[in-house]
């Protein structure tokens, strides 16, 4: 029997920008931009590392967004709705997820060089560090990784594939194994929420809570120097620590179930 010829077999389906390969291309361009900007700001990075890191981060991500924007011929960015009913759940869930990720992160061998490198890059100006990690990062990274990259992936691939690969690229951009795990896992959550709601605002909120929590934990408490995830050592009581993990797991399970139900009612998948 001769195959049925349709319009789709003659005219290939149009690919939206970016594809997965192009998403990795954005990652590569972003690293090159960061390296070039870092060379230009070399003297400032050495004399005023906090200010240098702030400028380096914002300029690099801004140029990366501009590159992806131009490559995709985009004319607008829709941040989507901001369903307030989901906010209390996300506020409870995000710290719980961060806590549950710690045992996984601690499986990676500790390298003092990583901690010293990133601490040196950020410097000691507390509020510039906060502005970089808790204000600029949630805004700029969500525009790039959910608003542009994942948005394009969802138009080209099944949701599971799109969310997974966008989260992997999001993890890689952090350039160290400790943050790769955390960023990839939280990226999957944010990708799922973006797919269900098309809300960048909710992703920015999760990102802000996660980064702010890490910032204040390191600022307020003297975390152990030989760990990248020090809640267990900070508590110094295994029974209390594992109780906290159990409570966190319950919060996450109930939170995911509640989010699924509420998103189904409030915002259908597009």
C-alpha atoms as a PDB file:
ATOM      1  CA  UNK A   1       0.000   0.000   0.000  1.00  0.00           C
ATOM      2  CA  UNK A   2       1.338   3.400  -0.945  1.00  0.00           C
ATOM      3  CA  UNK A   3       1.975   5.745   1.979  1.00  0.00           C
ATOM      4  CA  UNK A   4      -0.565   8.465   2.550  1.00  0.00           C
ATOM      5  CA  UNK A   5       0.930  11.780   1.531  1.00  0.00           C
ATOM      6  CA  UNK A   6      -0.173  14.711   3.630  1.00  0.00           C
ATOM      7  CA  UNK A   7       0.885  18.333   3.869  1.00  0.00           C
ATOM      8  CA  UNK A   8       2.989  17.454   6.947  1.00  0.00           C
ATOM      9  CA  UNK A   9       5.036  14.871   5.000  1.00  0.00           C
ATOM     10  CA  UNK A  10       5.799  17.446   2.305  1.00  0.00           C
ATOM     11  CA  UNK A  11       6.381  20.481   4.523  1.00  0.00           C
ATOM     12  CA  UNK A  12       8.498  19.727   7.606  1.00  0.00           C
ATOM     13  CA  UNK A  13       7.167  21.002  10.918  1.00  0.00           C
ATOM     14  CA  UNK A  14       8.619  24.409  11.733  1.00  0.00           C
ATOM     15  CA  UNK A  15      11.121  24.383  14.588  1.00  0.00           C
ATOM     16  CA  UNK A  16      10.856  27.157  17.122  1.00  0.00           C
ATOM     17  CA  UNK A  17      13.932  28.729  18.697  1.00  0.00           C
ATOM     18  CA  UNK A  18      15.663  27.303  20.565  1.00  0.00           C
ATOM     19  CA  UNK A  19      15.963  23.587  19.968  1.00  0.00           C
ATOM     20  CA  UNK A  20      17.931  21.547  22.531  1.00  0.00           C
ATOM     21  CA  UNK A  21      21.106  21.913  20.452  1.00  0.00           C
ATOM     22  CA  UNK A  22      20.536  25.652  20.246  1.00  0.00           C
ATOM     23  CA  UNK A  23      19.895  25.727  23.989  1.00  0.00           C
ATOM     24  CA  UNK A  24      23.360  24.283  24.575  1.00  0.00           C
ATOM     25  CA  UNK A  25      24.599  26.869  22.085  1.00  0.00           C
ATOM     26  CA  UNK A  26      23.122  29.622  24.279  1.00  0.00           C
ATOM     27  CA  UNK A  27      24.945  28.045  27.225  1.00  0.00           C
ATOM     28  CA  UNK A  28      28.239  28.101  25.314  1.00  0.00           C
ATOM     29  CA  UNK A  29      27.774  31.694  24.184  1.00  0.00           C
ATOM     30  CA  UNK A  30      26.940  32.702  27.753  1.00  0.00           C
ATOM     31  CA  UNK A  31      30.192  31.170  29.019  1.00  0.00           C
ATOM     32  CA  UNK A  32      32.173  32.957  26.299  1.00  0.00           C
ATOM     33  CA  UNK A  33      30.490  36.255  27.142  1.00  0.00           C
ATOM     34  CA  UNK A  34      31.217  35.743  30.827  1.00  0.00           C
ATOM     35  CA  UNK A  35      34.872  35.053  30.073  1.00  0.00           C
ATOM     36  CA  UNK A  36      35.201  38.105  27.832  1.00  0.00           C
ATOM     37  CA  UNK A  37      33.485  40.424  30.301  1.00  0.00           C
ATOM     38  CA  UNK A  38      35.594  38.959  33.114  1.00  0.00           C
ATOM     39  CA  UNK A  39      38.769  39.848  31.229  1.00  0.00           C
ATOM     40  CA  UNK A  40      37.576  43.419  30.699  1.00  0.00           C
ATOM     41  CA  UNK A  41      36.662  43.748  34.391  1.00  0.00           C
ATOM     42  CA  UNK A  42      39.828  42.027  35.622  1.00  0.00           C
ATOM     43  CA  UNK A  43      41.234  44.961  37.604  1.00  0.00           C
ATOM     44  CA  UNK A  44      37.862  45.768  39.174  1.00  0.00           C
ATOM     45  CA  UNK A  45      37.327  42.097  40.099  1.00  0.00           C
ATOM     46  CA  UNK A  46      40.613  42.127  41.974  1.00  0.00           C
ATOM     47  CA  UNK A  47      40.201  45.488  43.728  1.00  0.00           C
ATOM     48  CA  UNK A  48      36.437  45.368  44.431  1.00  0.00           C
ATOM     49  CA  UNK A  49      35.298  41.765  43.937  1.00  0.00           C
ATOM     50  CA  UNK A  50      31.699  42.291  45.111  1.00  0.00           C
ATOM     51  CA  UNK A  51      31.103  45.191  42.730  1.00  0.00           C
ATOM     52  CA  UNK A  52      32.994  43.415  39.966  1.00  0.00           C
ATOM     53  CA  UNK A  53      30.938  40.248  40.415  1.00  0.00           C
ATOM     54  CA  UNK A  54      27.702  42.249  40.381  1.00  0.00           C
ATOM     55  CA  UNK A  55      28.616  44.004  37.127  1.00  0.00           C
ATOM     56  CA  UNK A  56      30.035  40.828  35.579  1.00  0.00           C
ATOM     57  CA  UNK A  57      26.913  38.823  36.374  1.00  0.00           C
ATOM     58  CA  UNK A  58      24.377  41.391  35.214  1.00  0.00           C
ATOM     59  CA  UNK A  59      26.257  42.309  32.055  1.00  0.00           C
ATOM     60  CA  UNK A  60      26.966  38.685  31.093  1.00  0.00           C
ATOM     61  CA  UNK A  61      23.392  37.491  31.636  1.00  0.00           C
ATOM     62  CA  UNK A  62      21.986  40.604  30.015  1.00  0.00           C
ATOM     63  CA  UNK A  63      24.072  40.050  26.879  1.00  0.00           C
ATOM     64  CA  UNK A  64      23.161  36.341  26.879  1.00  0.00           C
ATOM     65  CA  UNK A  65      19.468  37.237  27.004  1.00  0.00           C
ATOM     66  CA  UNK A  66      19.977  39.748  24.191  1.00  0.00           C
ATOM     67  CA  UNK A  67      21.728  37.089  22.080  1.00  0.00           C
ATOM     68  CA  UNK A  68      18.960  34.523  22.605  1.00  0.00           C
ATOM     69  CA  UNK A  69      16.309  37.194  22.058  1.00  0.00           C
ATOM     70  CA  UNK A  70      17.788  38.251  18.725  1.00  0.00           C
ATOM     71  CA  UNK A  71      18.391  34.675  17.574  1.00  0.00           C
ATOM     72  CA  UNK A  72      14.765  33.829  18.268  1.00  0.00           C
ATOM     73  CA  UNK A  73      13.489  37.010  16.595  1.00  0.00           C
ATOM     74  CA  UNK A  74      11.398  37.674  19.660  1.00  0.00           C
ATOM     75  CA  UNK A  75       9.391  40.859  19.934  1.00  0.00           C
ATOM     76  CA  UNK A  76       7.854  40.460  23.396  1.00  0.00           C
ATOM     77  CA  UNK A  77       8.078  38.537  26.644  1.00  0.00           C
ATOM     78  CA  UNK A  78       4.905  37.534  28.432  1.00  0.00           C
ATOM     79  CA  UNK A  79       5.536  37.033  32.182  1.00  0.00           C
ATOM     80  CA  UNK A  80       2.159  35.352  32.460  1.00  0.00           C
ATOM     81  CA  UNK A  81      -0.304  35.367  35.353  1.00  0.00           C
ATOM     82  CA  UNK A  82       0.555  35.480  39.042  1.00  0.00           C
ATOM     83  CA  UNK A  83      -1.897  33.062  40.699  1.00  0.00           C
ATOM     84  CA  UNK A  84      -1.796  34.144  44.349  1.00  0.00           C
ATOM     85  CA  UNK A  85      -3.441  30.911  45.502  1.00  0.00           C
ATOM     86  CA  UNK A  86      -0.205  29.045  44.706  1.00  0.00           C
ATOM     87  CA  UNK A  87       2.115  31.428  46.567  1.00  0.00           C
ATOM     88  CA  UNK A  88       1.699  30.077  50.157  1.00  0.00           C
ATOM     89  CA  UNK A  89       2.384  26.537  48.938  1.00  0.00           C
ATOM     90  CA  UNK A  90       5.542  27.611  47.111  1.00  0.00           C
ATOM     91  CA  UNK A  91       6.759  29.568  50.146  1.00  0.00           C
ATOM     92  CA  UNK A  92       6.485  26.405  52.258  1.00  0.00           C
ATOM     93  CA  UNK A  93       7.756  23.992  49.611  1.00  0.00           C
ATOM     94  CA  UNK A  94      10.888  25.771  48.429  1.00  0.00           C
ATOM     95  CA  UNK A  95      12.834  25.635  51.749  1.00  0.00           C
ATOM     96  CA  UNK A  96      11.682  22.025  52.195  1.00  0.00           C
ATOM     97  CA  UNK A  97      13.056  21.092  48.768  1.00  0.00           C
ATOM     98  CA  UNK A  98      16.341  22.860  49.545  1.00  0.00           C
ATOM     99  CA  UNK A  99      16.667  20.849  52.751  1.00  0.00           C
ATOM    100  CA  UNK A 100      15.917  17.558  50.991  1.00  0.00           C
ATOM    101  CA  UNK A 101      18.616  18.269  48.399  1.00  0.00           C
ATOM    102  CA  UNK A 102      21.362  18.604  51.027  1.00  0.00           C
ATOM    103  CA  UNK A 103      22.000  14.852  51.558  1.00  0.00           C
ATOM    104  CA  UNK A 104      22.379  14.456  47.789  1.00  0.00           C
ATOM    105  CA  UNK A 105      24.784  17.400  47.529  1.00  0.00           C
ATOM    106  CA  UNK A 106      26.865  16.059  50.402  1.00  0.00           C
ATOM    107  CA  UNK A 107      27.518  12.859  48.443  1.00  0.00           C
ATOM    108  CA  UNK A 108      29.872  14.897  46.228  1.00  0.00           C
ATOM    109  CA  UNK A 109      33.433  15.009  47.622  1.00  0.00           C
ATOM    110  CA  UNK A 110      34.225  18.381  49.161  1.00  0.00           C
ATOM    111  CA  UNK A 111      36.844  20.481  47.421  1.00  0.00           C
ATOM    112  CA  UNK A 112      38.026  23.486  49.355  1.00  0.00           C
ATOM    113  CA  UNK A 113      39.199  25.138  46.137  1.00  0.00           C
ATOM    114  CA  UNK A 114      35.609  25.466  44.868  1.00  0.00           C
ATOM    115  CA  UNK A 115      34.428  27.198  48.019  1.00  0.00           C
ATOM    116  CA  UNK A 116      37.423  29.548  48.097  1.00  0.00           C
ATOM    117  CA  UNK A 117      37.067  30.359  44.391  1.00  0.00           C
ATOM    118  CA  UNK A 118      33.410  31.384  44.560  1.00  0.00           C
ATOM    119  CA  UNK A 119      33.783  33.153  47.906  1.00  0.00           C
ATOM    120  CA  UNK A 120      36.674  35.147  46.443  1.00  0.00           C
ATOM    121  CA  UNK A 121      34.707  36.030  43.327  1.00  0.00           C
ATOM    122  CA  UNK A 122      31.776  37.401  45.348  1.00  0.00           C
ATOM    123  CA  UNK A 123      33.878  39.361  47.828  1.00  0.00           C
ATOM    124  CA  UNK A 124      32.649  40.603  51.192  1.00  0.00           C
ATOM    125  CA  UNK A 125      30.101  43.354  50.449  1.00  0.00           C
ATOM    126  CA  UNK A 126      27.012  41.719  51.920  1.00  0.00           C
ATOM    127  CA  UNK A 127      24.359  43.725  50.124  1.00  0.00           C
ATOM    128  CA  UNK A 128      26.015  43.598  46.726  1.00  0.00           C
ATOM    129  CA  UNK A 129      26.248  39.828  47.125  1.00  0.00           C
ATOM    130  CA  UNK A 130      22.554  39.746  48.058  1.00  0.00           C
ATOM    131  CA  UNK A 131      21.665  41.907  45.054  1.00  0.00           C
ATOM    132  CA  UNK A 132      23.590  39.537  42.782  1.00  0.00           C
ATOM    133  CA  UNK A 133      22.323  36.185  44.044  1.00  0.00           C
ATOM    134  CA  UNK A 134      18.813  37.054  45.265  1.00  0.00           C
ATOM    135  CA  UNK A 135      17.671  39.876  42.967  1.00  0.00           C
ATOM    136  CA  UNK A 136      19.566  39.725  39.671  1.00  0.00           C
ATOM    137  CA  UNK A 137      19.766  35.919  39.466  1.00  0.00           C
ATOM    138  CA  UNK A 138      16.027  35.206  39.866  1.00  0.00           C
ATOM    139  CA  UNK A 139      15.071  37.890  37.360  1.00  0.00           C
ATOM    140  CA  UNK A 140      17.696  37.367  34.655  1.00  0.00           C
ATOM    141  CA  UNK A 141      18.002  33.580  34.870  1.00  0.00           C
ATOM    142  CA  UNK A 142      14.245  33.058  34.746  1.00  0.00           C
ATOM    143  CA  UNK A 143      13.910  35.290  31.692  1.00  0.00           C
ATOM    144  CA  UNK A 144      16.643  33.299  29.930  1.00  0.00           C
ATOM    145  CA  UNK A 145      16.016  29.740  31.099  1.00  0.00           C
ATOM    146  CA  UNK A 146      12.254  29.622  31.465  1.00  0.00           C
ATOM    147  CA  UNK A 147      11.070  32.630  29.436  1.00  0.00           C
ATOM    148  CA  UNK A 148      13.219  31.915  26.367  1.00  0.00           C
ATOM    149  CA  UNK A 149      14.854  28.461  26.503  1.00  0.00           C
ATOM    150  CA  UNK A 150      12.071  26.405  28.083  1.00  0.00           C
ATOM    151  CA  UNK A 151       9.425  28.362  26.210  1.00  0.00           C
ATOM    152  CA  UNK A 152      11.079  27.327  22.950  1.00  0.00           C
ATOM    153  CA  UNK A 153      11.624  23.735  24.072  1.00  0.00           C
ATOM    154  CA  UNK A 154       7.943  23.341  24.954  1.00  0.00           C
ATOM    155  CA  UNK A 155       7.011  24.326  21.401  1.00  0.00           C
ATOM    156  CA  UNK A 156       9.342  21.679  19.946  1.00  0.00           C
ATOM    157  CA  UNK A 157       9.250  18.720  22.337  1.00  0.00           C
ATOM    158  CA  UNK A 158       7.122  16.788  24.780  1.00  0.00           C
ATOM    159  CA  UNK A 159       6.884  18.569  28.167  1.00  0.00           C
ATOM    160  CA  UNK A 160       8.997  15.989  30.036  1.00  0.00           C
ATOM    161  CA  UNK A 161      11.853  16.257  27.549  1.00  0.00           C
ATOM    162  CA  UNK A 162      11.627  20.054  27.394  1.00  0.00           C
ATOM    163  CA  UNK A 163      11.605  20.495  31.182  1.00  0.00           C
ATOM    164  CA  UNK A 164      14.444  18.024  31.776  1.00  0.00           C
ATOM    165  CA  UNK A 165      16.876  19.475  29.241  1.00  0.00           C
ATOM    166  CA  UNK A 166      16.160  23.066  30.168  1.00  0.00           C
ATOM    167  CA  UNK A 167      16.858  22.147  33.803  1.00  0.00           C
ATOM    168  CA  UNK A 168      20.147  20.448  32.851  1.00  0.00           C
ATOM    169  CA  UNK A 169      21.332  23.537  30.956  1.00  0.00           C
ATOM    170  CA  UNK A 170      20.234  25.660  33.917  1.00  0.00           C
ATOM    171  CA  UNK A 171      22.325  23.454  36.205  1.00  0.00           C
ATOM    172  CA  UNK A 172      25.371  23.610  33.951  1.00  0.00           C
ATOM    173  CA  UNK A 173      25.404  27.408  33.830  1.00  0.00           C
ATOM    174  CA  UNK A 174      26.294  27.471  37.550  1.00  0.00           C
ATOM    175  CA  UNK A 175      29.696  25.933  36.693  1.00  0.00           C
ATOM    176  CA  UNK A 176      30.210  23.788  39.788  1.00  0.00           C
ATOM    177  CA  UNK A 177      29.013  20.288  40.746  1.00  0.00           C
ATOM    178  CA  UNK A 178      27.341  21.333  44.004  1.00  0.00           C
ATOM    179  CA  UNK A 179      25.088  23.933  42.458  1.00  0.00           C
ATOM    180  CA  UNK A 180      24.547  21.769  39.371  1.00  0.00           C
ATOM    181  CA  UNK A 181      22.540  19.226  41.375  1.00  0.00           C
ATOM    182  CA  UNK A 182      20.518  21.801  43.280  1.00  0.00           C
ATOM    183  CA  UNK A 183      19.889  23.995  40.241  1.00  0.00           C
ATOM    184  CA  UNK A 184      18.870  21.056  38.043  1.00  0.00           C
ATOM    185  CA  UNK A 185      16.379  19.732  40.601  1.00  0.00           C
ATOM    186  CA  UNK A 186      14.873  23.124  41.381  1.00  0.00           C
ATOM    187  CA  UNK A 187      14.916  23.810  37.628  1.00  0.00           C
ATOM    188  CA  UNK A 188      12.703  20.761  37.069  1.00  0.00           C
ATOM    189  CA  UNK A 189      10.207  22.109  39.608  1.00  0.00           C
ATOM    190  CA  UNK A 190      10.213  25.578  38.068  1.00  0.00           C
ATOM    191  CA  UNK A 191       9.944  24.079  34.587  1.00  0.00           C
ATOM    192  CA  UNK A 192       6.906  22.039  35.610  1.00  0.00           C
ATOM    193  CA  UNK A 193       5.240  25.089  37.115  1.00  0.00           C
ATOM    194  CA  UNK A 194       6.041  27.202  34.058  1.00  0.00           C
ATOM    195  CA  UNK A 195       4.595  24.529  31.764  1.00  0.00           C
ATOM    196  CA  UNK A 196       1.388  24.331  33.799  1.00  0.00           C
ATOM    197  CA  UNK A 197       0.891  28.055  34.413  1.00  0.00           C
ATOM    198  CA  UNK A 198       3.080  29.928  31.893  1.00  0.00           C
ATOM    199  CA  UNK A 199       3.956  32.164  34.851  1.00  0.00           C
ATOM    200  CA  UNK A 200       7.479  33.554  35.025  1.00  0.00           C
ATOM    201  CA  UNK A 201       6.464  35.337  38.233  1.00  0.00           C
ATOM    202  CA  UNK A 202       6.060  32.064  40.111  1.00  0.00           C
ATOM    203  CA  UNK A 203       9.443  30.835  38.874  1.00  0.00           C
ATOM    204  CA  UNK A 204      11.057  34.108  39.941  1.00  0.00           C
ATOM    205  CA  UNK A 205       9.452  33.724  43.381  1.00  0.00           C
ATOM    206  CA  UNK A 206      10.797  30.180  43.844  1.00  0.00           C
ATOM    207  CA  UNK A 207      14.237  31.270  42.658  1.00  0.00           C
ATOM    208  CA  UNK A 208      14.215  34.267  45.009  1.00  0.00           C
ATOM    209  CA  UNK A 209      13.213  32.173  48.030  1.00  0.00           C
ATOM    210  CA  UNK A 210      15.805  29.491  47.279  1.00  0.00           C
ATOM    211  CA  UNK A 211      18.694  31.927  46.759  1.00  0.00           C
ATOM    212  CA  UNK A 212      17.721  34.187  49.651  1.00  0.00           C
ATOM    213  CA  UNK A 213      17.543  31.211  51.984  1.00  0.00           C
ATOM    214  CA  UNK A 214      21.052  30.115  51.027  1.00  0.00           C
ATOM    215  CA  UNK A 215      22.360  33.674  51.381  1.00  0.00           C
ATOM    216  CA  UNK A 216      20.917  34.256  54.859  1.00  0.00           C
ATOM    217  CA  UNK A 217      21.917  30.797  56.083  1.00  0.00           C
ATOM    218  CA  UNK A 218      25.538  31.582  55.233  1.00  0.00           C
ATOM    219  CA  UNK A 219      25.316  35.141  56.531  1.00  0.00           C
ATOM    220  CA  UNK A 220      23.597  34.506  59.862  1.00  0.00           C
ATOM    221  CA  UNK A 221      25.075  31.142  60.781  1.00  0.00           C
ATOM    222  CA  UNK A 222      28.685  30.052  60.798  1.00  0.00           C
ATOM    223  CA  UNK A 223      28.362  27.040  58.550  1.00  0.00           C
ATOM    224  CA  UNK A 224      31.145  24.427  58.603  1.00  0.00           C
ATOM    225  CA  UNK A 225      33.984  25.082  56.185  1.00  0.00           C
ATOM    226  CA  UNK A 226      34.256  21.469  54.974  1.00  0.00           C
ATOM    227  CA  UNK A 227      30.760  21.192  53.521  1.00  0.00           C
ATOM    228  CA  UNK A 228      28.665  22.817  50.820  1.00  0.00           C
ATOM    229  CA  UNK A 229      25.431  21.901  52.618  1.00  0.00           C
ATOM    230  CA  UNK A 230      25.858  22.330  56.350  1.00  0.00           C
ATOM    231  CA  UNK A 231      22.417  22.094  58.000  1.00  0.00           C
ATOM    232  CA  UNK A 232      23.213  18.715  59.541  1.00  0.00           C
ATOM    233  CA  UNK A 233      26.475  19.957  61.025  1.00  0.00           C
ATOM    234  CA  UNK A 234      24.794  23.179  62.126  1.00  0.00           C
ATOM    235  CA  UNK A 235      22.108  21.296  64.052  1.00  0.00           C
ATOM    236  CA  UNK A 236      24.630  18.716  65.293  1.00  0.00           C
ATOM    237  CA  UNK A 237      21.846  16.309  66.219  1.00  0.00           C
ATOM    238  CA  UNK A 238      21.070  13.489  63.796  1.00  0.00           C
ATOM    239  CA  UNK A 239      17.655  12.672  65.256  1.00  0.00           C
ATOM    240  CA  UNK A 240      16.503  16.274  64.874  1.00  0.00           C
ATOM    241  CA  UNK A 241      18.039  16.496  61.407  1.00  0.00           C
ATOM    242  CA  UNK A 242      16.287  13.379  60.104  1.00  0.00           C
ATOM    243  CA  UNK A 243      13.043  14.526  61.704  1.00  0.00           C
ATOM    244  CA  UNK A 244      13.391  17.768  59.750  1.00  0.00           C
ATOM    245  CA  UNK A 245      14.009  15.778  56.559  1.00  0.00           C
ATOM    246  CA  UNK A 246      10.858  13.755  57.211  1.00  0.00           C
ATOM    247  CA  UNK A 247       8.773  16.852  57.779  1.00  0.00           C
ATOM    248  CA  UNK A 248      10.253  18.426  54.649  1.00  0.00           C
ATOM    249  CA  UNK A 249       9.366  15.327  52.608  1.00  0.00           C
ATOM    250  CA  UNK A 250       5.757  15.478  53.826  1.00  0.00           C
ATOM    251  CA  UNK A 251       5.552  19.179  52.973  1.00  0.00           C
ATOM    252  CA  UNK A 252       6.897  18.540  49.461  1.00  0.00           C
ATOM    253  CA  UNK A 253       4.530  15.626  48.756  1.00  0.00           C
ATOM    254  CA  UNK A 254       1.466  17.510  50.008  1.00  0.00           C
ATOM    255  CA  UNK A 255       2.661  20.647  48.229  1.00  0.00           C
ATOM    256  CA  UNK A 256       3.092  18.921  44.873  1.00  0.00           C
ATOM    257  CA  UNK A 257      -0.325  17.298  45.146  1.00  0.00           C
ATOM    258  CA  UNK A 258      -1.928  20.623  46.093  1.00  0.00           C
ATOM    259  CA  UNK A 259      -0.150  22.480  43.291  1.00  0.00           C
ATOM    260  CA  UNK A 260      -1.278  19.900  40.757  1.00  0.00           C
ATOM    261  CA  UNK A 261      -4.905  20.207  41.827  1.00  0.00           C
ATOM    262  CA  UNK A 262      -4.899  24.001  42.035  1.00  0.00           C
ATOM    263  CA  UNK A 263      -3.095  24.494  38.725  1.00  0.00           C
ATOM    264  CA  UNK A 264      -5.527  22.141  37.021  1.00  0.00           C
ATOM    265  CA  UNK A 265      -8.437  24.279  38.190  1.00  0.00           C
ATOM    266  CA  UNK A 266      -6.863  27.697  37.794  1.00  0.00           C
ATOM    267  CA  UNK A 267      -4.691  27.470  34.682  1.00  0.00           C
ATOM    268  CA  UNK A 268      -5.031  24.735  32.061  1.00  0.00           C
ATOM    269  CA  UNK A 269      -1.951  23.511  30.193  1.00  0.00           C
ATOM    270  CA  UNK A 270      -1.522  25.385  26.909  1.00  0.00           C
END
